[in-house]
Amino acid sequence: MSGIITVGMADFKTAKSPDLLMTAGLGSCIGICVYDPALKLGGMAHIMLPTSIGSQGGNPMKYADTALELMLRQILDMGASQSRLKAKIAGGAQMFSFPGKTPVLKIGDRNAEAVEQELKKHRIPLLVSDVGGSFGRTIHFNVATGELRIRTINHGEKVV
């Protein structure tokens, strides 16, 4: 019997088959799913900001760079192989419209770019990227199959 493990904002969790990982409220935030398909285990992080550089400490799971690093360490400690890891991401929306749209206010875009850079740095292939738009997402990730179910209000549901 599988259970659903809920990942809160600025948090990450790991799971083994048959459990599922779920996070809600992905606006400009990004849900990062990393898994080892052979061992059927993985993790999900719900990051809020692109980088911890310049931050005054606080919760390291809030940032793309530090959250991914911590989650990878735990996944590898569970027995995953770095060479088999795969990733899928969702979120990164532009939830509000600002006059002038200065780049610093495009948090969703900046989060998506930061996550992609961090995955490249760790040589983890990004198989699916469902980012952008102006709508929130709720995601469920099955570590056994790699299936990512993305639900949106007024934009339906899809499985990738």
Protein backbone atom coordinates (compact mmCIF):
# COMPACT_ATOMS: atom_id res chain seq x y z
CA MET A 1 0.00 0.00 0.00
CA SER A 2 1.51 3.30 -1.04
CA GLY A 3 1.42 6.48 0.99
CA ILE A 4 1.54 10.10 -0.07
CA ILE A 5 4.36 12.12 1.43
CA THR A 6 3.61 15.84 1.45
CA VAL A 7 6.41 18.30 0.74
CA GLY A 8 5.83 21.77 2.17
CA MET A 9 7.18 25.08 0.90
CA ALA A 10 10.93 25.46 1.39
CA ASP A 11 11.22 21.76 2.14
CA PHE A 12 12.25 18.46 0.60
CA LYS A 13 11.36 14.85 1.24
CA THR A 14 12.64 11.52 -0.07
CA ALA A 15 10.74 8.33 -0.76
CA LYS A 16 11.07 4.74 -1.92
CA SER A 17 8.56 2.78 -3.96
CA PRO A 18 5.58 2.49 -3.53
CA ASP A 19 5.27 5.91 -1.86
CA LEU A 20 4.38 9.08 -3.80
CA LEU A 21 5.62 12.63 -3.21
CA MET A 22 3.26 15.61 -3.48
CA THR A 23 3.51 19.36 -3.21
CA ALA A 24 0.87 22.05 -3.72
CA GLY A 25 0.96 25.78 -4.26
CA LEU A 26 3.68 25.96 -6.91
CA GLY A 27 3.33 29.49 -8.25
CA SER A 28 6.72 31.03 -8.90
CA CYS A 29 8.21 28.22 -6.79
CA ILE A 30 9.65 25.13 -8.47
CA GLY A 31 9.03 21.50 -7.62
CA ILE A 32 12.22 19.55 -8.32
CA CYS A 33 11.85 15.77 -8.65
CA VAL A 34 15.04 13.69 -8.79
CA TYR A 35 14.98 9.91 -8.89
CA ASP A 36 16.95 6.74 -9.54
CA PRO A 37 14.73 4.62 -11.85
CA ALA A 38 16.63 1.40 -11.12
CA LEU A 39 16.22 1.57 -7.34
CA LYS A 40 12.80 3.28 -7.52
CA LEU A 41 13.66 5.98 -5.03
CA GLY A 42 13.98 9.71 -5.18
CA GLY A 43 13.10 13.06 -3.72
CA MET A 44 11.10 16.21 -4.24
CA ALA A 45 12.08 19.73 -3.24
CA HIS A 46 9.80 22.79 -3.20
CA ILE A 47 12.11 25.77 -3.68
CA MET A 48 11.09 29.41 -3.43
CA LEU A 49 14.13 31.39 -4.57
CA PRO A 50 16.99 30.86 -7.04
CA THR A 51 20.09 31.23 -4.86
CA SER A 52 21.25 31.37 -1.28
CA ILE A 53 24.04 33.80 -2.21
CA GLY A 54 23.49 37.00 -0.27
CA SER A 55 20.92 35.42 2.05
CA GLN A 56 21.24 35.92 5.77
CA GLY A 57 21.21 32.22 6.61
CA GLY A 58 17.79 30.83 7.38
CA ASN A 59 16.24 27.77 5.79
CA PRO A 60 18.56 26.25 3.14
CA MET A 61 15.63 24.36 1.56
CA LYS A 62 14.23 27.69 0.38
CA TYR A 63 16.88 28.06 -2.35
CA ALA A 64 17.52 26.09 -5.56
CA ASP A 65 21.26 25.69 -4.95
CA THR A 66 21.23 24.54 -1.33
CA ALA A 67 17.98 22.52 -1.40
CA LEU A 68 19.11 20.44 -4.37
CA GLU A 69 22.50 19.82 -2.76
CA LEU A 70 20.92 18.60 0.49
CA MET A 71 18.32 16.47 -1.27
CA LEU A 72 20.93 14.84 -3.53
CA ARG A 73 23.09 13.99 -0.53
CA GLN A 74 20.15 12.20 1.09
CA ILE A 75 19.14 10.37 -2.11
CA LEU A 76 22.70 9.16 -2.60
CA ASP A 77 22.87 8.09 1.07
CA MET A 78 19.78 5.95 0.38
CA GLY A 79 21.83 4.04 -2.23
CA ALA A 80 21.01 5.87 -5.46
CA SER A 81 23.67 6.06 -8.16
CA GLN A 82 24.62 9.56 -9.33
CA SER A 83 24.98 8.24 -12.89
CA ARG A 84 21.38 6.99 -12.97
CA LEU A 85 19.67 10.07 -11.56
CA LYS A 86 17.02 11.81 -13.66
CA ALA A 87 15.02 14.99 -13.02
CA LYS A 88 11.64 16.55 -13.77
CA ILE A 89 10.56 20.04 -12.73
CA ALA A 90 7.34 22.06 -12.63
CA GLY A 91 6.29 25.53 -11.49
CA GLY A 92 8.06 28.80 -12.14
CA ALA A 93 4.95 30.77 -13.04
CA GLN A 94 4.68 34.55 -13.26
CA MET A 95 1.75 34.87 -10.88
CA PHE A 96 1.53 38.66 -10.85
CA SER A 97 1.94 41.32 -13.51
CA PHE A 98 4.21 44.26 -12.76
CA PRO A 99 4.56 47.38 -14.90
CA GLY A 100 7.92 47.37 -16.66
CA LYS A 101 8.56 43.73 -15.71
CA THR A 102 12.08 44.22 -14.39
CA PRO A 103 14.07 40.97 -14.42
CA VAL A 104 14.41 40.96 -10.62
CA LEU A 105 10.62 40.56 -10.34
CA LYS A 106 10.52 37.55 -12.68
CA ILE A 107 11.07 35.13 -9.83
CA GLY A 108 9.50 32.17 -11.68
CA ASP A 109 11.86 32.55 -14.64
CA ARG A 110 14.85 33.04 -12.35
CA ASN A 111 13.91 29.98 -10.30
CA ALA A 112 13.60 27.80 -13.42
CA GLU A 113 16.97 28.98 -14.76
CA ALA A 114 18.67 28.40 -11.40
CA VAL A 115 17.25 24.87 -11.08
CA GLU A 116 18.33 23.98 -14.62
CA GLN A 117 21.86 25.28 -13.90
CA GLU A 118 22.09 23.31 -10.66
CA LEU A 119 20.97 20.11 -12.39
CA LYS A 120 23.59 20.65 -15.12
CA LYS A 121 26.24 21.27 -12.47
CA HIS A 122 25.41 17.87 -10.93
CA ARG A 123 25.14 16.23 -14.39
CA ILE A 124 21.54 15.18 -13.88
CA PRO A 125 19.51 15.04 -17.11
CA LEU A 126 16.32 17.11 -17.06
CA LEU A 127 13.68 14.94 -18.75
CA VAL A 128 10.66 17.21 -18.26
CA SER A 129 10.34 20.94 -17.62
CA ASP A 130 6.78 22.23 -17.19
CA VAL A 131 7.48 25.82 -16.17
CA GLY A 132 6.19 29.31 -16.83
CA GLY A 133 2.73 30.57 -17.55
CA SER A 134 0.61 32.50 -15.08
CA PHE A 135 -1.05 29.64 -13.20
CA GLY A 136 -0.22 27.57 -10.15
CA ARG A 137 0.44 23.86 -10.08
CA THR A 138 0.08 20.89 -7.73
CA ILE A 139 2.30 17.93 -8.49
CA HIS A 140 2.41 14.25 -7.54
CA PHE A 141 5.57 12.27 -8.26
CA ASN A 142 5.79 8.49 -8.40
CA VAL A 143 9.38 7.46 -7.63
CA ALA A 144 8.71 3.91 -8.87
CA THR A 145 7.66 4.93 -12.39
CA GLY A 146 9.03 8.46 -12.74
CA GLU A 147 5.50 9.62 -13.53
CA LEU A 148 4.88 13.30 -12.73
CA ARG A 149 1.19 14.28 -12.49
CA ILE A 150 0.67 18.03 -12.87
CA ARG A 151 -2.68 19.56 -11.92
CA THR A 152 -3.63 23.15 -12.61
CA ILE A 153 -6.74 25.21 -12.09
CA ASN A 154 -8.40 26.02 -15.42
CA HIS A 155 -5.58 24.30 -17.37
CA GLY A 156 -6.38 20.66 -16.62
CA GLU A 157 -4.13 17.81 -15.62
CA LYS A 158 -1.34 16.04 -17.44
CA VAL A 159 1.04 13.20 -16.76
CA VAL A 160 4.64 13.44 -17.95
